[in-house]
Protein backbone atom coordinates (compact mmCIF):
# COMPACT_ATOMS: atom_id res chain seq x y z
CA MET A 1 158.37 105.04 190.21
CA LEU A 2 161.10 107.66 190.93
CA THR A 3 162.80 108.97 188.09
CA LEU A 4 165.90 111.54 188.02
CA THR A 5 167.29 113.21 185.02
CA LEU A 6 170.35 114.54 185.09
CA LYS A 7 170.35 118.73 184.55
CA SER A 8 173.85 119.32 182.58
CA ALA A 9 176.91 117.16 181.15
CA LEU A 10 179.48 116.33 183.90
CA THR A 11 183.20 117.34 183.38
CA VAL A 12 184.42 115.88 186.81
CA PRO A 13 183.20 112.83 188.24
CA LEU A 14 180.12 112.02 190.31
CA GLU A 15 180.71 109.86 193.40
CA ALA A 16 176.70 108.99 193.49
CA GLU A 17 176.66 105.61 195.90
CA VAL A 18 172.96 106.97 196.88
CA LEU A 19 171.81 105.95 193.79
CA SER A 20 170.38 102.85 195.14
CA PRO A 21 167.19 101.53 195.36
CA ASP A 22 168.33 100.31 199.23
CA VAL A 23 169.16 104.05 199.84
CA LEU A 24 166.05 105.78 198.35
CA ALA A 25 163.25 103.46 198.53
CA GLY A 26 161.02 104.80 201.24
CA LEU A 27 162.59 107.61 201.14
CA ALA A 28 160.53 111.59 200.91
CA HIS A 29 161.08 113.57 198.52
CA SER A 30 163.12 116.69 200.02
CA ALA A 31 165.17 113.35 201.87
CA ILE A 32 166.36 112.24 198.53
CA ARG A 33 167.53 116.18 197.36
CA ALA A 34 169.08 116.74 200.29
CA LEU A 35 171.31 112.97 199.92
CA PRO A 36 175.03 113.88 199.69
CA VAL A 37 177.09 113.10 196.21
CA MET A 38 180.80 114.06 195.69
CA LEU A 39 181.91 116.54 192.70
CA GLY A 40 185.64 116.06 193.09
CA LYS A 41 186.46 116.77 196.35
CA ARG A 42 183.62 118.87 197.04
CA GLN A 43 180.18 117.54 199.35
CA GLN A 44 177.34 118.84 197.46
CA ARG A 45 173.41 117.65 197.53
CA LEU A 46 171.36 115.11 194.58
CA GLU A 47 169.45 118.03 193.64
CA ASP A 48 172.18 119.79 192.50
CA HIS A 49 172.64 117.53 190.33
CA PHE A 50 169.75 115.91 189.25
CA ASP A 51 165.95 117.04 188.23
CA ILE A 52 163.82 114.51 191.07
CA GLU A 53 159.99 113.37 190.02
CA GLY A 54 158.95 110.91 192.69
CA ASP A 55 159.26 109.42 195.95
CA GLY A 56 161.47 107.03 197.15
CA SER A 57 160.85 103.85 195.34
CA GLU A 58 162.68 100.43 194.30
CA GLU A 59 161.93 101.12 191.05
CA ILE A 60 164.55 103.97 189.83
CA GLU A 61 165.04 105.59 186.20
CA LEU A 62 168.29 107.85 185.74
CA ARG A 63 168.09 109.51 182.75
CA GLY A 64 170.88 111.64 180.81
CA ASP A 65 174.53 111.03 180.16
CA LEU A 66 175.47 109.52 183.16
CA SER A 67 179.22 108.34 181.77
CA LYS A 68 180.91 110.24 184.79
CA VAL A 69 178.60 109.32 187.46
CA LYS A 70 179.89 106.83 189.49
CA TRP A 71 178.98 104.04 191.56
CA ILE A 72 175.61 103.46 190.68
CA GLY A 73 173.87 101.02 192.39
CA ARG A 74 176.59 99.94 194.55
CA GLY A 75 176.57 97.23 197.23
CA MET A 76 172.20 96.98 196.03
CA ARG A 77 170.46 94.39 197.29
CA ARG A 78 166.88 94.73 195.52
CA GLY A 79 164.56 96.14 193.02
CA ARG A 80 165.54 97.55 190.04
CA ILE A 81 168.04 100.62 188.38
CA ARG A 82 167.41 101.76 184.75
CA VAL A 83 169.95 104.33 183.05
CA VAL A 84 168.57 105.60 179.81
CA GLY A 85 171.96 106.58 178.50
CA HIS A 86 175.25 105.86 179.52
CA ALA A 87 176.89 104.93 183.22
CA GLY A 88 179.97 105.54 184.26
CA MET A 89 182.44 103.23 186.70
CA HIS A 90 181.55 101.21 189.37
CA LEU A 91 178.21 100.65 188.12
CA GLY A 92 177.03 97.83 190.51
CA ALA A 93 179.96 97.26 192.28
CA TYR A 94 179.57 94.70 195.45
CA MET A 95 175.70 94.00 193.95
CA GLN A 96 173.91 91.58 195.98
CA GLY A 97 171.18 91.47 194.23
CA GLY A 98 167.89 93.06 191.78
CA VAL A 99 168.35 94.29 188.33
CA ILE A 100 170.03 97.25 186.86
CA GLU A 101 169.60 97.94 183.04
CA VAL A 102 171.60 100.28 180.63
CA THR A 103 170.16 101.62 177.67
CA GLY A 104 173.86 102.86 176.26
CA ASN A 105 177.21 102.02 177.00
CA ALA A 106 179.19 101.90 180.84
CA SER A 107 182.50 102.45 181.60
CA ASP A 108 185.23 99.84 183.73
CA TRP A 109 184.55 97.78 186.27
CA VAL A 110 180.83 97.14 185.77
CA GLY A 111 179.88 94.60 188.68
CA GLY A 112 183.48 94.41 190.22
CA GLU A 113 183.35 92.03 192.79
CA MET A 114 179.75 91.76 192.76
CA ARG A 115 177.89 88.61 194.55
CA GLY A 116 174.48 88.46 193.12
CA GLY A 117 171.84 90.30 191.07
CA ARG A 118 171.87 91.16 186.90
CA ILE A 119 173.09 93.85 184.78
CA HIS A 120 172.18 94.48 181.38
CA ILE A 121 174.31 96.46 178.64
CA ARG A 122 172.51 97.08 176.16
CA GLY A 123 175.56 99.42 174.70
CA HIS A 124 179.38 98.65 175.26
CA ALA A 125 181.45 97.46 178.33
CA GLY A 126 184.92 98.60 179.46
CA GLN A 127 187.21 96.96 181.38
CA GLN A 128 187.49 94.65 184.17
CA LEU A 129 183.99 93.07 184.05
CA GLY A 130 182.82 91.36 187.02
CA ALA A 131 186.83 91.53 188.33
CA ALA A 132 188.48 91.79 191.06
CA TYR A 133 189.87 94.94 192.58
CA ARG A 134 193.08 95.69 192.78
CA GLY A 135 194.80 93.91 195.64
CA SER A 136 191.42 91.12 196.19
CA THR A 137 192.31 87.98 195.59
CA THR A 138 188.51 87.08 194.64
CA GLY A 139 186.25 89.02 191.88
CA MET A 140 182.59 88.20 190.71
CA THR A 141 181.17 85.54 193.17
CA GLY A 142 177.98 85.45 192.17
CA GLY A 143 175.29 86.76 189.87
CA THR A 144 174.68 87.94 186.17
CA ILE A 145 176.45 89.95 183.57
CA LEU A 146 175.06 90.63 180.01
CA VAL A 147 176.48 92.83 177.30
CA GLU A 148 174.84 93.35 174.04
CA GLY A 149 178.26 95.17 172.49
CA SER A 150 181.62 94.69 173.22
CA ALA A 151 183.84 94.77 176.02
CA GLY A 152 187.41 95.86 177.33
CA ILE A 153 190.46 93.70 179.22
CA GLU A 154 190.47 91.48 181.83
CA ILE A 155 186.70 90.58 181.89
CA GLY A 156 186.12 88.10 184.82
CA MET A 157 189.55 88.58 186.70
CA ARG A 158 189.46 86.61 189.59
CA MET A 159 186.08 84.87 189.40
CA LYS A 160 184.63 82.69 191.24
CA ARG A 161 180.73 81.69 190.84
CA GLY A 162 178.68 83.34 188.03
CA LEU A 163 177.78 84.41 184.74
CA ILE A 164 179.53 87.17 181.89
CA ALA A 165 177.97 86.54 178.59
CA ILE A 166 179.48 88.99 175.65
CA ARG A 167 177.66 89.70 172.49
CA GLY A 168 180.53 91.64 170.81
CA PRO A 169 183.88 91.07 170.63
CA VAL A 170 186.22 90.96 173.77
CA ARG A 171 189.95 92.27 174.23
CA ASP A 172 193.26 90.41 175.88
CA PHE A 173 193.21 88.56 178.93
CA ALA A 174 189.77 87.34 178.94
CA GLY A 175 189.05 85.06 182.24
CA LEU A 176 192.54 86.48 183.87
CA GLN A 177 193.49 84.29 186.94
CA MET A 178 189.67 83.28 187.02
CA LYS A 179 188.81 80.51 190.36
CA GLY A 180 185.06 79.26 188.86
CA GLY A 181 181.98 80.41 187.11
CA THR A 182 181.14 80.59 183.33
CA ILE A 183 182.03 83.62 180.95
CA VAL A 184 180.26 83.58 177.31
CA LEU A 185 181.89 84.95 174.57
CA MET A 186 179.75 85.09 171.36
CA SER A 187 182.09 86.90 168.78
CA GLY A 188 185.47 86.35 170.55
CA ALA A 189 188.71 87.50 172.32
CA GLU A 190 191.97 88.78 171.73
CA LEU A 191 195.17 87.16 173.04
CA ARG A 192 196.17 85.86 176.42
CA THR A 193 192.49 84.06 177.29
CA GLY A 194 192.21 82.25 180.29
CA ALA A 195 195.95 83.50 181.37
CA TRP A 196 196.84 81.66 184.56
CA MET A 197 192.91 80.52 185.03
CA GLN A 198 192.59 77.42 187.90
CA ARG A 199 189.12 76.72 187.28
CA GLY A 200 185.80 77.73 185.56
CA THR A 201 185.00 77.28 181.89
CA ILE A 202 185.49 80.15 179.39
CA ILE A 203 182.38 79.42 175.88
CA SER A 204 183.49 80.96 172.75
CA LEU A 205 181.69 80.72 169.75
CA GLN A 206 184.28 81.69 167.61
CA PRO A 207 187.82 80.56 167.56
CA LEU A 208 190.14 81.83 169.87
CA HIS A 209 194.23 82.13 169.61
CA LEU A 210 195.23 79.61 172.83
CA MET A 211 198.38 80.15 174.87
CA PRO A 212 200.31 76.64 174.58
CA THR A 213 199.62 76.31 178.10
CA PHE A 214 196.47 75.06 176.91
CA THR A 215 195.54 71.26 176.18
CA PRO A 216 192.69 69.61 173.99
CA THR A 217 191.39 66.88 174.79
CA CYS A 218 188.77 65.91 173.11
CA VAL A 219 185.42 67.15 171.22
CA TYR A 220 182.27 66.45 172.75
CA GLN A 221 178.58 67.69 173.62
CA PRO A 222 178.31 69.40 177.15
CA THR A 223 174.82 68.71 178.48
CA PHE A 224 175.41 71.88 181.07
CA VAL A 225 175.80 74.10 177.73
CA ALA A 226 171.83 73.78 176.94
CA LEU A 227 171.07 74.59 180.23
CA TYR A 228 172.88 78.34 180.03
CA ALA A 229 171.34 78.00 176.53
CA LYS A 230 167.50 78.35 178.04
CA TYR A 231 168.39 80.33 180.68
CA LEU A 232 170.10 83.18 178.12
CA ALA A 233 167.36 82.80 175.35
CA PRO A 234 164.82 85.12 177.33
CA PHE A 235 167.53 88.03 177.17
CA GLY A 236 168.13 87.77 173.52
CA PHE A 237 171.14 85.43 173.63
CA THR A 238 171.56 82.34 171.59
CA LEU A 239 173.92 79.87 173.05
CA PRO A 240 174.04 76.90 169.87
CA VAL A 241 173.85 73.37 171.41
CA GLY A 242 176.28 71.12 170.01
CA ARG A 243 179.64 70.11 169.68
CA TYR A 244 182.50 72.32 171.05
CA GLN A 245 186.23 71.64 171.56
CA ARG A 246 187.49 71.32 174.83
CA HIS A 247 190.91 72.83 176.23
CA MET A 248 192.26 72.24 179.58
CA GLY A 249 194.41 74.49 181.41
CA ASP A 250 196.20 76.84 182.25
CA ALA A 251 199.08 74.28 182.60
CA SER A 252 202.05 77.43 183.89
CA VAL A 253 199.32 77.69 187.30
CA PRO A 254 199.04 74.42 187.23
CA GLY A 255 195.29 75.07 186.65
CA LYS A 256 191.75 73.15 185.67
CA GLY A 257 189.71 75.49 184.11
CA GLU A 258 188.37 74.67 180.24
CA ILE A 259 188.10 76.50 177.35
CA LEU A 260 185.32 75.51 175.16
CA ILE A 261 185.32 76.45 171.04
CA TRP A 262 182.01 75.69 169.42
CA GLU A 263 182.69 73.31 166.44
CA PRO A 264 179.86 74.29 163.62
CA SER A 265 178.47 71.58 161.68
CA ALA A 266 179.84 70.84 158.52
């Protein structure tokens, strides 16, 4: 395993796209030390900011408060990254495979436009989780994002496929312009959930303040929820299999998305 420990706290964002198994696997220790990173507008070496132990590997552990380190795991296709601490913006952006785990919090744009793999945040996450970047028509198209804590606005914006599950509360515009995929909200969300939603599924275990452009259609027991429950269980996410209120929308688009709200047994 390759271990990198941040030498000191950063006051300026550090862009470190090289922190990926696709880049680091197979490199000698000396080559890893010389990899370029950007501190603001200045190009520096990876060794200027990290103590590096080991040679290149598909198993990478990053230690320290990396909340100002951007683009960790960008576009990664294989391997595993474990962040012991916090992670900065764009964690796992454009990710295609492999696993990223964070023991602390993560910033905005986690899994931006990701296509595969799994990201698991033990703490809180920021805004635009699994979302499309500005000017892009499609967000997340595959993979799984799991968040133990809370998350910010616009999670899953324009997502087309994949799964997002969040244990804590979520802010406004969850599933904004959603085109497909599934979002599981275990503690509910604030306002405008599913705004301009075209397709896809949002599952909430708590009541939601839905917009009037969503129409209640039925109360039933969706069979596919059992499949998600089985998949999420090993990660500690309990999704109840039971009766759900089904709402269709967003009629203002018009859309054919669905929001399922769990109905606990009396």
